[in-house]
Amino acid sequence: QVQLVESGGGLVQAGGSLRLSCAASGTIFRLNTMGWYRQVPGKQRELVATMPSGGRANYADSVKGRSTISRDNAKDTVYLQMNSMKPEDTAVYYCYAEQGRVYWGQGSQVTVSS
């Protein structure tokens, strides 16, 4: 089993920046793709950014150019740096990791005020 613990969510003003972190622990052999999704009430969870192990990052069009996903494989941690934030970025952000199956974090609320 893999546990994912997120941190870094909160309230930010429009135009500001936020950095989310997600640390994996438990029985880790090799984490494949790690990444971030987000969800607002009444809508489906949507991809924000993903990064395969040793691969290239992939971003949703809505965050491309103002977000950066990165990984520290030595720490089994994935990060999401978001800049120039907009009110429509308000959501619960979930990190995930693949190792035989998909594991999800508990979710971290991000609120962008206008």
PDB file of N, CA and C in Angstrom:
ATOM      1  N   GLN A   1       0.834  -1.199   0.000  1.00  0.00           N
ATOM      2  CA  GLN A   1       0.000   0.000   0.000  1.00  0.00           C
ATOM      3  C   GLN A   1       0.869   1.250   0.000  1.00  0.00           C
ATOM      4  N   VAL A   2       0.368   2.252  -0.693  1.00  0.00           N
ATOM      5  CA  VAL A   2       1.053   3.540  -0.768  1.00  0.00           C
ATOM      6  C   VAL A   2       0.132   4.605  -0.200  1.00  0.00           C
ATOM      7  N   GLN A   3       0.669   5.440   0.668  1.00  0.00           N
ATOM      8  CA  GLN A   3      -0.099   6.561   1.194  1.00  0.00           C
ATOM      9  C   GLN A   3       0.465   7.850   0.612  1.00  0.00           C
ATOM     10  N   LEU A   4      -0.444   8.759   0.283  1.00  0.00           N
ATOM     11  CA  LEU A   4      -0.053  10.058  -0.281  1.00  0.00           C
ATOM     12  C   LEU A   4      -0.568  11.155   0.638  1.00  0.00           C
ATOM     13  N   VAL A   5       0.316  12.018   1.060  1.00  0.00           N
ATOM     14  CA  VAL A   5      -0.052  13.123   1.942  1.00  0.00           C
ATOM     15  C   VAL A   5       0.260  14.436   1.251  1.00  0.00           C
ATOM     16  N   GLU A   6      -0.763  15.238   1.076  1.00  0.00           N
ATOM     17  CA  GLU A   6      -0.615  16.519   0.386  1.00  0.00           C
ATOM     18  C   GLU A   6      -0.445  17.650   1.388  1.00  0.00           C
ATOM     19  N   SER A   7       0.180  18.705   0.935  1.00  0.00           N
ATOM     20  CA  SER A   7       0.304  19.915   1.740  1.00  0.00           C
ATOM     21  C   SER A   7       0.453  21.108   0.804  1.00  0.00           C
ATOM     22  N   GLY A   8       0.209  22.293   1.349  1.00  0.00           N
ATOM     23  CA  GLY A   8       0.438  23.508   0.591  1.00  0.00           C
ATOM     24  C   GLY A   8      -0.802  24.195   0.067  1.00  0.00           C
ATOM     25  N   GLY A   9      -1.959  23.616   0.267  1.00  0.00           N
ATOM     26  CA  GLY A   9      -3.178  24.270  -0.196  1.00  0.00           C
ATOM     27  C   GLY A   9      -3.524  25.461   0.670  1.00  0.00           C
ATOM     28  N   GLY A  10      -4.552  26.203   0.258  1.00  0.00           N
ATOM     29  CA  GLY A  10      -4.968  27.346   1.056  1.00  0.00           C
ATOM     30  C   GLY A  10      -5.605  28.415   0.195  1.00  0.00           C
ATOM     31  N   LEU A  11      -5.600  29.618   0.735  1.00  0.00           N
ATOM     32  CA  LEU A  11      -6.206  30.768   0.084  1.00  0.00           C
ATOM     33  C   LEU A  11      -5.130  31.634  -0.548  1.00  0.00           C
ATOM     34  N   VAL A  12      -5.356  32.021  -1.787  1.00  0.00           N
ATOM     35  CA  VAL A  12      -4.411  32.888  -2.484  1.00  0.00           C
ATOM     36  C   VAL A  12      -5.199  33.893  -3.310  1.00  0.00           C
ATOM     37  N   GLN A  13      -4.636  35.061  -3.468  1.00  0.00           N
ATOM     38  CA  GLN A  13      -5.298  36.077  -4.284  1.00  0.00           C
ATOM     39  C   GLN A  13      -5.047  35.821  -5.754  1.00  0.00           C
ATOM     40  N   ALA A  14      -5.956  36.267  -6.577  1.00  0.00           N
ATOM     41  CA  ALA A  14      -5.772  36.151  -8.019  1.00  0.00           C
ATOM     42  C   ALA A  14      -4.459  36.818  -8.417  1.00  0.00           C
ATOM     43  N   GLY A  15      -3.723  36.131  -9.272  1.00  0.00           N
ATOM     44  CA  GLY A  15      -2.411  36.609  -9.676  1.00  0.00           C
ATOM     45  C   GLY A  15      -1.278  36.086  -8.834  1.00  0.00           C
ATOM     46  N   GLY A  16      -1.616  35.475  -7.718  1.00  0.00           N
ATOM     47  CA  GLY A  16      -0.608  34.953  -6.805  1.00  0.00           C
ATOM     48  C   GLY A  16      -0.137  33.567  -7.195  1.00  0.00           C
ATOM     49  N   SER A  17       0.682  33.004  -6.311  1.00  0.00           N
ATOM     50  CA  SER A  17       1.291  31.694  -6.563  1.00  0.00           C
ATOM     51  C   SER A  17       1.054  30.766  -5.393  1.00  0.00           C
ATOM     52  N   LEU A  18       1.142  29.483  -5.699  1.00  0.00           N
ATOM     53  CA  LEU A  18       0.948  28.448  -4.691  1.00  0.00           C
ATOM     54  C   LEU A  18       1.782  27.247  -5.092  1.00  0.00           C
ATOM     55  N   ARG A  19       2.293  26.545  -4.079  1.00  0.00           N
ATOM     56  CA  ARG A  19       3.035  25.325  -4.350  1.00  0.00           C
ATOM     57  C   ARG A  19       2.439  24.185  -3.533  1.00  0.00           C
ATOM     58  N   LEU A  20       1.987  23.185  -4.229  1.00  0.00           N
ATOM     59  CA  LEU A  20       1.462  21.985  -3.586  1.00  0.00           C
ATOM     60  C   LEU A  20       2.541  20.914  -3.549  1.00  0.00           C
ATOM     61  N   SER A  21       2.544  20.164  -2.464  1.00  0.00           N
ATOM     62  CA  SER A  21       3.475  19.045  -2.336  1.00  0.00           C
ATOM     63  C   SER A  21       2.684  17.784  -2.022  1.00  0.00           C
ATOM     64  N   CYS A  22       3.222  16.661  -2.445  1.00  0.00           N
ATOM     65  CA  CYS A  22       2.584  15.378  -2.162  1.00  0.00           C
ATOM     66  C   CYS A  22       3.680  14.356  -1.930  1.00  0.00           C
ATOM     67  N   ALA A  23       3.739  13.859  -0.711  1.00  0.00           N
ATOM     68  CA  ALA A  23       4.768  12.893  -0.338  1.00  0.00           C
ATOM     69  C   ALA A  23       4.162  11.499  -0.247  1.00  0.00           C
ATOM     70  N   ALA A  24       4.818  10.559  -0.890  1.00  0.00           N
ATOM     71  CA  ALA A  24       4.378   9.163  -0.859  1.00  0.00           C
ATOM     72  C   ALA A  24       5.148   8.400   0.218  1.00  0.00           C
ATOM     73  N   SER A  25       4.464   7.482   0.848  1.00  0.00           N
ATOM     74  CA  SER A  25       5.108   6.623   1.841  1.00  0.00           C
ATOM     75  C   SER A  25       4.441   5.255   1.808  1.00  0.00           C
ATOM     76  N   GLY A  26       5.003   4.326   2.546  1.00  0.00           N
ATOM     77  CA  GLY A  26       4.445   2.975   2.573  1.00  0.00           C
ATOM     78  C   GLY A  26       5.342   2.021   1.816  1.00  0.00           C
ATOM     79  N   THR A  27       4.731   1.057   1.161  1.00  0.00           N
ATOM     80  CA  THR A  27       5.480   0.038   0.420  1.00  0.00           C
ATOM     81  C   THR A  27       5.715   0.550  -0.995  1.00  0.00           C
ATOM     82  N   ILE A  28       6.865   1.149  -1.191  1.00  0.00           N
ATOM     83  CA  ILE A  28       7.184   1.762  -2.478  1.00  0.00           C
ATOM     84  C   ILE A  28       8.287   0.972  -3.146  1.00  0.00           C
ATOM     85  N   PHE A  29       7.999   0.488  -4.343  1.00  0.00           N
ATOM     86  CA  PHE A  29       9.010  -0.174  -5.163  1.00  0.00           C
ATOM     87  C   PHE A  29       9.477   0.779  -6.247  1.00  0.00           C
ATOM     88  N   ARG A  30       8.518   1.208  -7.039  1.00  0.00           N
ATOM     89  CA  ARG A  30       8.819   2.168  -8.101  1.00  0.00           C
ATOM     90  C   ARG A  30       7.523   2.878  -8.465  1.00  0.00           C
ATOM     91  N   LEU A  31       7.468   4.151  -8.175  1.00  0.00           N
ATOM     92  CA  LEU A  31       6.310   4.934  -8.546  1.00  0.00           C
ATOM     93  C   LEU A  31       6.425   5.329 -10.008  1.00  0.00           C
ATOM     94  N   ASN A  32       5.437   5.006 -10.762  1.00  0.00           N
ATOM     95  CA  ASN A  32       5.452   5.353 -12.185  1.00  0.00           C
ATOM     96  C   ASN A  32       4.970   6.778 -12.345  1.00  0.00           C
ATOM     97  N   THR A  33       3.849   6.971 -12.989  1.00  0.00           N
ATOM     98  CA  THR A  33       3.367   8.331 -13.165  1.00  0.00           C
ATOM     99  C   THR A  33       2.848   8.900 -11.843  1.00  0.00           C
ATOM    100  N   MET A  34       3.203  10.130 -11.579  1.00  0.00           N
ATOM    101  CA  MET A  34       2.636  10.890 -10.463  1.00  0.00           C
ATOM    102  C   MET A  34       2.049  12.166 -11.029  1.00  0.00           C
ATOM    103  N   GLY A  35       1.083  12.711 -10.348  1.00  0.00           N
ATOM    104  CA  GLY A  35       0.498  13.921 -10.886  1.00  0.00           C
ATOM    105  C   GLY A  35      -0.587  14.500 -10.024  1.00  0.00           C
ATOM    106  N   TRP A  36      -1.316  15.402 -10.641  1.00  0.00           N
ATOM    107  CA  TRP A  36      -2.348  16.163  -9.930  1.00  0.00           C
ATOM    108  C   TRP A  36      -3.622  16.247 -10.767  1.00  0.00           C
ATOM    109  N   TYR A  37      -4.740  16.077 -10.069  1.00  0.00           N
ATOM    110  CA  TYR A  37      -6.059  16.329 -10.620  1.00  0.00           C
ATOM    111  C   TYR A  37      -6.734  17.355  -9.719  1.00  0.00           C
ATOM    112  N   ARG A  38      -7.820  17.904 -10.190  1.00  0.00           N
ATOM    113  CA  ARG A  38      -8.602  18.802  -9.343  1.00  0.00           C
ATOM    114  C   ARG A  38     -10.090  18.606  -9.608  1.00  0.00           C
ATOM    115  N   GLN A  39     -10.877  19.008  -8.630  1.00  0.00           N
ATOM    116  CA  GLN A  39     -12.319  18.805  -8.738  1.00  0.00           C
ATOM    117  C   GLN A  39     -13.058  19.921  -8.034  1.00  0.00           C
ATOM    118  N   VAL A  40     -14.103  20.409  -8.700  1.00  0.00           N
ATOM    119  CA  VAL A  40     -15.024  21.362  -8.086  1.00  0.00           C
ATOM    120  C   VAL A  40     -16.349  20.663  -7.901  1.00  0.00           C
ATOM    121  N   PRO A  41     -17.148  21.109  -6.945  1.00  0.00           N
ATOM    122  CA  PRO A  41     -18.433  20.447  -6.691  1.00  0.00           C
ATOM    123  C   PRO A  41     -19.302  20.393  -7.940  1.00  0.00           C
ATOM    124  N   GLY A  42     -19.867  19.238  -8.195  1.00  0.00           N
ATOM    125  CA  GLY A  42     -20.760  19.080  -9.327  1.00  0.00           C
ATOM    126  C   GLY A  42     -20.076  18.780 -10.639  1.00  0.00           C
ATOM    127  N   LYS A  43     -18.750  18.725 -10.629  1.00  0.00           N
ATOM    128  CA  LYS A  43     -18.020  18.446 -11.862  1.00  0.00           C
ATOM    129  C   LYS A  43     -17.106  17.242 -11.675  1.00  0.00           C
ATOM    130  N   GLN A  44     -16.720  16.682 -12.818  1.00  0.00           N
ATOM    131  CA  GLN A  44     -15.797  15.547 -12.768  1.00  0.00           C
ATOM    132  C   GLN A  44     -14.397  16.008 -12.403  1.00  0.00           C
ATOM    133  N   ARG A  45     -13.674  15.082 -11.820  1.00  0.00           N
ATOM    134  CA  ARG A  45     -12.272  15.357 -11.532  1.00  0.00           C
ATOM    135  C   ARG A  45     -11.525  15.517 -12.852  1.00  0.00           C
ATOM    136  N   GLU A  46     -10.685  16.545 -12.939  1.00  0.00           N
ATOM    137  CA  GLU A  46      -9.986  16.812 -14.195  1.00  0.00           C
ATOM    138  C   GLU A  46      -8.477  16.840 -13.991  1.00  0.00           C
ATOM    139  N   LEU A  47      -7.785  16.434 -15.022  1.00  0.00           N
ATOM    140  CA  LEU A  47      -6.329  16.401 -14.968  1.00  0.00           C
ATOM    141  C   LEU A  47      -5.768  17.819 -14.925  1.00  0.00           C
ATOM    142  N   VAL A  48      -4.758  18.008 -14.097  1.00  0.00           N
ATOM    143  CA  VAL A  48      -4.029  19.275 -14.054  1.00  0.00           C
ATOM    144  C   VAL A  48      -2.648  19.077 -14.689  1.00  0.00           C
ATOM    145  N   ALA A  49      -1.892  18.135 -14.156  1.00  0.00           N
ATOM    146  CA  ALA A  49      -0.547  17.879 -14.679  1.00  0.00           C
ATOM    147  C   ALA A  49      -0.100  16.494 -14.237  1.00  0.00           C
ATOM    148  N   THR A  50       0.665  15.845 -15.083  1.00  0.00           N
ATOM    149  CA  THR A  50       1.221  14.530 -14.758  1.00  0.00           C
ATOM    150  C   THR A  50       2.673  14.473 -15.174  1.00  0.00           C
ATOM    151  N   MET A  51       3.397  13.588 -14.528  1.00  0.00           N
ATOM    152  CA  MET A  51       4.792  13.399 -14.889  1.00  0.00           C
ATOM    153  C   MET A  51       5.173  11.941 -14.699  1.00  0.00           C
ATOM    154  N   PRO A  52       5.458  11.240 -15.785  1.00  0.00           N
ATOM    155  CA  PRO A  52       5.933   9.857 -15.667  1.00  0.00           C
ATOM    156  C   PRO A  52       7.322   9.841 -15.052  1.00  0.00           C
ATOM    157  N   SER A  53       7.696   8.715 -14.479  1.00  0.00           N
ATOM    158  CA  SER A  53       9.030   8.584 -13.936  1.00  0.00           C
ATOM    159  C   SER A  53      10.034   8.705 -15.070  1.00  0.00           C
ATOM    160  N   GLY A  54      10.883   9.704 -15.013  1.00  0.00           N
ATOM    161  CA  GLY A  54      11.878   9.915 -16.051  1.00  0.00           C
ATOM    162  C   GLY A  54      11.313  10.412 -17.357  1.00  0.00           C
ATOM    163  N   GLY A  55      10.050  10.810 -17.343  1.00  0.00           N
ATOM    164  CA  GLY A  55       9.415  11.232 -18.587  1.00  0.00           C
ATOM    165  C   GLY A  55       9.113  12.710 -18.623  1.00  0.00           C
ATOM    166  N   ARG A  56       8.309  13.053 -19.610  1.00  0.00           N
ATOM    167  CA  ARG A  56       8.007  14.453 -19.863  1.00  0.00           C
ATOM    168  C   ARG A  56       6.688  14.832 -19.201  1.00  0.00           C
ATOM    169  N   ALA A  57       6.627  16.041 -18.682  1.00  0.00           N
ATOM    170  CA  ALA A  57       5.418  16.519 -18.033  1.00  0.00           C
ATOM    171  C   ALA A  57       4.313  16.759 -19.050  1.00  0.00           C
ATOM    172  N   ASN A  58       3.090  16.592 -18.567  1.00  0.00           N
ATOM    173  CA  ASN A  58       1.918  16.829 -19.399  1.00  0.00           C
ATOM    174  C   ASN A  58       0.987  17.750 -18.617  1.00  0.00           C
ATOM    175  N   TYR A  59       0.455  18.791 -19.275  1.00  0.00           N
ATOM    176  CA  TYR A  59      -0.369  19.774 -18.585  1.00  0.00           C
ATOM    177  C   TYR A  59      -1.717  19.931 -19.270  1.00  0.00           C
ATOM    178  N   ALA A  60      -2.711  20.248 -18.463  1.00  0.00           N
ATOM    179  CA  ALA A  60      -3.988  20.661 -19.026  1.00  0.00           C
ATOM    180  C   ALA A  60      -3.806  22.021 -19.676  1.00  0.00           C
ATOM    181  N   ASP A  61      -4.557  22.265 -20.735  1.00  0.00           N
ATOM    182  CA  ASP A  61      -4.439  23.549 -21.430  1.00  0.00           C
ATOM    183  C   ASP A  61      -4.726  24.717 -20.489  1.00  0.00           C
ATOM    184  N   SER A  62      -5.609  24.492 -19.537  1.00  0.00           N
ATOM    185  CA  SER A  62      -6.030  25.569 -18.637  1.00  0.00           C
ATOM    186  C   SER A  62      -4.914  26.056 -17.711  1.00  0.00           C
ATOM    187  N   VAL A  63      -3.881  25.233 -17.508  1.00  0.00           N
ATOM    188  CA  VAL A  63      -2.792  25.631 -16.597  1.00  0.00           C
ATOM    189  C   VAL A  63      -1.444  25.717 -17.314  1.00  0.00           C
ATOM    190  N   LYS A  64      -1.420  25.326 -18.562  1.00  0.00           N
ATOM    191  CA  LYS A  64      -0.157  25.307 -19.307  1.00  0.00           C
ATOM    192  C   LYS A  64       0.438  26.707 -19.366  1.00  0.00           C
ATOM    193  N   GLY A  65       1.734  26.799 -19.153  1.00  0.00           N
ATOM    194  CA  GLY A  65       2.421  28.081 -19.212  1.00  0.00           C
ATOM    195  C   GLY A  65       2.486  28.812 -17.882  1.00  0.00           C
ATOM    196  N   ARG A  66       1.692  28.384 -16.913  1.00  0.00           N
ATOM    197  CA  ARG A  66       1.737  29.040 -15.611  1.00  0.00           C
ATOM    198  C   ARG A  66       1.856  28.032 -14.472  1.00  0.00           C
ATOM    199  N   SER A  67       2.061  26.783 -14.811  1.00  0.00           N
ATOM    200  CA  SER A  67       2.214  25.746 -13.791  1.00  0.00           C
ATOM    201  C   SER A  67       3.410  24.879 -14.134  1.00  0.00           C
ATOM    202  N   THR A  68       4.046  24.363 -13.093  1.00  0.00           N
ATOM    203  CA  THR A  68       5.173  23.462 -13.283  1.00  0.00           C
ATOM    204  C   THR A  68       5.045  22.301 -12.320  1.00  0.00           C
ATOM    205  N   ILE A  69       5.065  21.106 -12.878  1.00  0.00           N
ATOM    206  CA  ILE A  69       5.084  19.908 -12.053  1.00  0.00           C
ATOM    207  C   ILE A  69       6.513  19.400 -11.989  1.00  0.00           C
ATOM    208  N   SER A  70       6.907  18.934 -10.836  1.00  0.00           N
ATOM    209  CA  SER A  70       8.253  18.389 -10.681  1.00  0.00           C
ATOM    210  C   SER A  70       8.210  17.233  -9.687  1.00  0.00           C
ATOM    211  N   ARG A  71       9.248  16.423  -9.743  1.00  0.00           N
ATOM    212  CA  ARG A  71       9.334  15.265  -8.855  1.00  0.00           C
ATOM    213  C   ARG A  71      10.713  15.196  -8.223  1.00  0.00           C
ATOM    214  N   ASP A  72      10.733  14.742  -6.993  1.00  0.00           N
ATOM    215  CA  ASP A  72      11.978  14.395  -6.327  1.00  0.00           C
ATOM    216  C   ASP A  72      11.876  12.897  -6.050  1.00  0.00           C
ATOM    217  N   ASN A  73      12.441  12.109  -6.931  1.00  0.00           N
ATOM    218  CA  ASN A  73      12.295  10.661  -6.803  1.00  0.00           C
ATOM    219  C   ASN A  73      12.989  10.117  -5.557  1.00  0.00           C
ATOM    220  N   ALA A  74      14.019  10.804  -5.102  1.00  0.00           N
ATOM    221  CA  ALA A  74      14.703  10.363  -3.884  1.00  0.00           C
ATOM    222  C   ALA A  74      13.795  10.502  -2.666  1.00  0.00           C
ATOM    223  N   LYS A  75      12.875  11.447  -2.734  1.00  0.00           N
ATOM    224  CA  LYS A  75      11.940  11.683  -1.625  1.00  0.00           C
ATOM    225  C   LYS A  75      10.533  11.168  -1.926  1.00  0.00           C
ATOM    226  N   ASP A  76      10.350  10.568  -3.099  1.00  0.00           N
ATOM    227  CA  ASP A  76       9.026  10.081  -3.505  1.00  0.00           C
ATOM    228  C   ASP A  76       7.979  11.179  -3.346  1.00  0.00           C
ATOM    229  N   THR A  77       8.322  12.342  -3.831  1.00  0.00           N
ATOM    230  CA  THR A  77       7.468  13.517  -3.676  1.00  0.00           C
ATOM    231  C   THR A  77       7.252  14.183  -5.027  1.00  0.00           C
ATOM    232  N   VAL A  78       6.035  14.639  -5.227  1.00  0.00           N
ATOM    233  CA  VAL A  78       5.700  15.391  -6.434  1.00  0.00           C
ATOM    234  C   VAL A  78       5.208  16.768  -6.006  1.00  0.00           C
ATOM    235  N   TYR A  79       5.542  17.777  -6.810  1.00  0.00           N
ATOM    236  CA  TYR A  79       5.193  19.155  -6.511  1.00  0.00           C
ATOM    237  C   TYR A  79       4.397  19.753  -7.670  1.00  0.00           C
ATOM    238  N   LEU A  80       3.593  20.742  -7.343  1.00  0.00           N
ATOM    239  CA  LEU A  80       2.902  21.514  -8.375  1.00  0.00           C
ATOM    240  C   LEU A  80       3.023  22.981  -8.008  1.00  0.00           C
ATOM    241  N   GLN A  81       3.769  23.702  -8.817  1.00  0.00           N
ATOM    242  CA  GLN A  81       3.908  25.139  -8.648  1.00  0.00           C
ATOM    243  C   GLN A  81       2.928  25.811  -9.593  1.00  0.00           C
ATOM    244  N   MET A  82       2.055  26.626  -9.043  1.00  0.00           N
ATOM    245  CA  MET A  82       1.076  27.327  -9.865  1.00  0.00           C
ATOM    246  C   MET A  82       1.272  28.831  -9.694  1.00  0.00           C
ATOM    247  N   ASN A  83       1.388  29.523 -10.804  1.00  0.00           N
ATOM    248  CA  ASN A  83       1.581  30.977 -10.803  1.00  0.00           C
ATOM    249  C   ASN A  83       0.420  31.638 -11.536  1.00  0.00           C
ATOM    250  N   SER A  84       0.344  32.953 -11.398  1.00  0.00           N
ATOM    251  CA  SER A  84      -0.705  33.734 -12.073  1.00  0.00           C
ATOM    252  C   SER A  84      -2.061  33.069 -11.880  1.00  0.00           C
ATOM    253  N   MET A  85      -2.369  32.753 -10.644  1.00  0.00           N
ATOM    254  CA  MET A  85      -3.562  31.979 -10.374  1.00  0.00           C
ATOM    255  C   MET A  85      -4.825  32.779 -10.630  1.00  0.00           C
ATOM    256  N   LYS A  86      -5.880  32.026 -11.009  1.00  0.00           N
ATOM    257  CA  LYS A  86      -7.158  32.626 -11.374  1.00  0.00           C
ATOM    258  C   LYS A  86      -8.259  32.060 -10.477  1.00  0.00           C
ATOM    259  N   PRO A  87      -9.347  32.791 -10.308  1.00  0.00           N
ATOM    260  CA  PRO A  87     -10.458  32.256  -9.504  1.00  0.00           C
ATOM    261  C   PRO A  87     -10.934  30.890 -10.003  1.00  0.00           C
ATOM    262  N   GLU A  88     -10.854  30.654 -11.297  1.00  0.00           N
ATOM    263  CA  GLU A  88     -11.292  29.358 -11.820  1.00  0.00           C
ATOM    264  C   GLU A  88     -10.343  28.217 -11.473  1.00  0.00           C
ATOM    265  N   ASP A  89      -9.215  28.515 -10.851  1.00  0.00           N
ATOM    266  CA  ASP A  89      -8.334  27.466 -10.341  1.00  0.00           C
ATOM    267  C   ASP A  89      -8.824  26.939  -8.986  1.00  0.00           C
ATOM    268  N   THR A  90      -9.834  27.590  -8.428  1.00  0.00           N
ATOM    269  CA  THR A  90     -10.384  27.146  -7.150  1.00  0.00           C
ATOM    270  C   THR A  90     -10.936  25.737  -7.276  1.00  0.00           C
ATOM    271  N   ALA A  91     -10.458  24.838  -6.426  1.00  0.00           N
ATOM    272  CA  ALA A  91     -10.863  23.430  -6.493  1.00  0.00           C
ATOM    273  C   ALA A  91     -10.193  22.680  -5.351  1.00  0.00           C
ATOM    274  N   VAL A  92     -10.595  21.432  -5.199  1.00  0.00           N
ATOM    275  CA  VAL A  92      -9.843  20.509  -4.355  1.00  0.00           C
ATOM    276  C   VAL A  92      -8.838  19.806  -5.254  1.00  0.00           C
ATOM    277  N   TYR A  93      -7.591  19.870  -4.880  1.00  0.00           N
ATOM    278  CA  TYR A  93      -6.518  19.283  -5.673  1.00  0.00           C
ATOM    279  C   TYR A  93      -6.113  17.940  -5.063  1.00  0.00           C
ATOM    280  N   TYR A  94      -6.055  16.933  -5.933  1.00  0.00           N
ATOM    281  CA  TYR A  94      -5.703  15.589  -5.505  1.00  0.00           C
ATOM    282  C   TYR A  94      -4.417  15.150  -6.198  1.00  0.00           C
ATOM    283  N   CYS A  95      -3.482  14.655  -5.444  1.00  0.00           N
ATOM    284  CA  CYS A  95      -2.328  14.063  -6.094  1.00  0.00           C
ATOM    285  C   CYS A  95      -2.586  12.574  -6.275  1.00  0.00           C
ATOM    286  N   TYR A  96      -1.894  11.991  -7.199  1.00  0.00           N
ATOM    287  CA  TYR A  96      -2.029  10.552  -7.402  1.00  0.00           C
ATOM    288  C   TYR A  96      -0.686   9.972  -7.803  1.00  0.00           C
ATOM    289  N   ALA A  97      -0.581   8.678  -7.628  1.00  0.00           N
ATOM    290  CA  ALA A  97       0.632   7.963  -8.003  1.00  0.00           C
ATOM    291  C   ALA A  97       0.243   6.573  -8.467  1.00  0.00           C
ATOM    292  N   GLU A  98       0.976   6.083  -9.444  1.00  0.00           N
ATOM    293  CA  GLU A  98       0.734   4.740  -9.968  1.00  0.00           C
ATOM    294  C   GLU A  98       1.858   3.801  -9.570  1.00  0.00           C
ATOM    295  N   GLN A  99       1.463   2.692  -8.997  1.00  0.00           N
ATOM    296  CA  GLN A  99       2.385   1.604  -8.703  1.00  0.00           C
ATOM    297  C   GLN A  99       1.536   0.345  -8.703  1.00  0.00           C
ATOM    298  N   GLY A 100       1.360  -0.199  -9.875  1.00  0.00           N
ATOM    299  CA  GLY A 100       0.492  -1.365  -9.997  1.00  0.00           C
ATOM    300  C   GLY A 100      -0.982  -0.980 -10.029  1.00  0.00           C
ATOM    301  N   ARG A 101      -1.331   0.001  -9.301  1.00  0.00           N
ATOM    302  CA  ARG A 101      -2.673   0.578  -9.278  1.00  0.00           C
ATOM    303  C   ARG A 101      -2.509   2.049  -8.963  1.00  0.00           C
ATOM    304  N   VAL A 102      -3.634   2.763  -9.006  1.00  0.00           N
ATOM    305  CA  VAL A 102      -3.584   4.197  -8.752  1.00  0.00           C
ATOM    306  C   VAL A 102      -3.929   4.477  -7.287  1.00  0.00           C
ATOM    307  N   TYR A 103      -3.126   5.299  -6.667  1.00  0.00           N
ATOM    308  CA  TYR A 103      -3.372   5.751  -5.309  1.00  0.00           C
ATOM    309  C   TYR A 103      -3.661   7.247  -5.341  1.00  0.00           C
ATOM    310  N   TRP A 104      -4.556   7.683  -4.434  1.00  0.00           N
ATOM    311  CA  TRP A 104      -4.942   9.077  -4.381  1.00  0.00           C
ATOM    312  C   TRP A 104      -4.623   9.676  -3.014  1.00  0.00           C
ATOM    313  N   GLY A 105      -4.292  10.969  -3.036  1.00  0.00           N
ATOM    314  CA  GLY A 105      -4.167  11.702  -1.800  1.00  0.00           C
ATOM    315  C   GLY A 105      -5.539  12.080  -1.276  1.00  0.00           C
ATOM    316  N   GLN A 106      -5.555  12.716  -0.108  1.00  0.00           N
ATOM    317  CA  GLN A 106      -6.818  13.025   0.555  1.00  0.00           C
ATOM    318  C   GLN A 106      -7.472  14.277  -0.010  1.00  0.00           C
ATOM    319  N   GLY A 107      -6.755  15.024  -0.782  1.00  0.00           N
ATOM    320  CA  GLY A 107      -7.296  16.256  -1.351  1.00  0.00           C
ATOM    321  C   GLY A 107      -6.881  17.476  -0.544  1.00  0.00           C
ATOM    322  N   SER A 108      -6.621  18.553  -1.243  1.00  0.00           N
ATOM    323  CA  SER A 108      -6.200  19.794  -0.607  1.00  0.00           C
ATOM    324  C   SER A 108      -6.958  20.944  -1.248  1.00  0.00           C
ATOM    325  N   GLN A 109      -7.674  21.707  -0.419  1.00  0.00           N
ATOM    326  CA  GLN A 109      -8.483  22.812  -0.951  1.00  0.00           C
ATOM    327  C   GLN A 109      -7.588  23.982  -1.354  1.00  0.00           C
ATOM    328  N   VAL A 110      -7.811  24.463  -2.552  1.00  0.00           N
ATOM    329  CA  VAL A 110      -7.156  25.676  -3.040  1.00  0.00           C
ATOM    330  C   VAL A 110      -8.251  26.655  -3.414  1.00  0.00           C
ATOM    331  N   THR A 111      -8.196  27.843  -2.837  1.00  0.00           N
ATOM    332  CA  THR A 111      -9.186  28.871  -3.123  1.00  0.00           C
ATOM    333  C   THR A 111      -8.476  30.119  -3.605  1.00  0.00           C
ATOM    334  N   VAL A 112      -8.887  30.597  -4.770  1.00  0.00           N
ATOM    335  CA  VAL A 112      -8.301  31.797  -5.353  1.00  0.00           C
ATOM    336  C   VAL A 112      -9.346  32.900  -5.302  1.00  0.00           C
ATOM    337  N   SER A 113      -9.053  33.947  -4.569  1.00  0.00           N
ATOM    338  CA  SER A 113      -9.995  35.047  -4.431  1.00  0.00           C
ATOM    339  C   SER A 113      -9.741  36.101  -5.499  1.00  0.00           C
ATOM    340  N   SER A 114     -10.815  36.699  -5.961  1.00  0.00           N
ATOM    341  CA  SER A 114     -10.692  37.712  -7.026  1.00  0.00           C
ATOM    342  C   SER A 114     -10.497  39.097  -6.440  1.00  0.00           C
TER     343      SER A 114
END
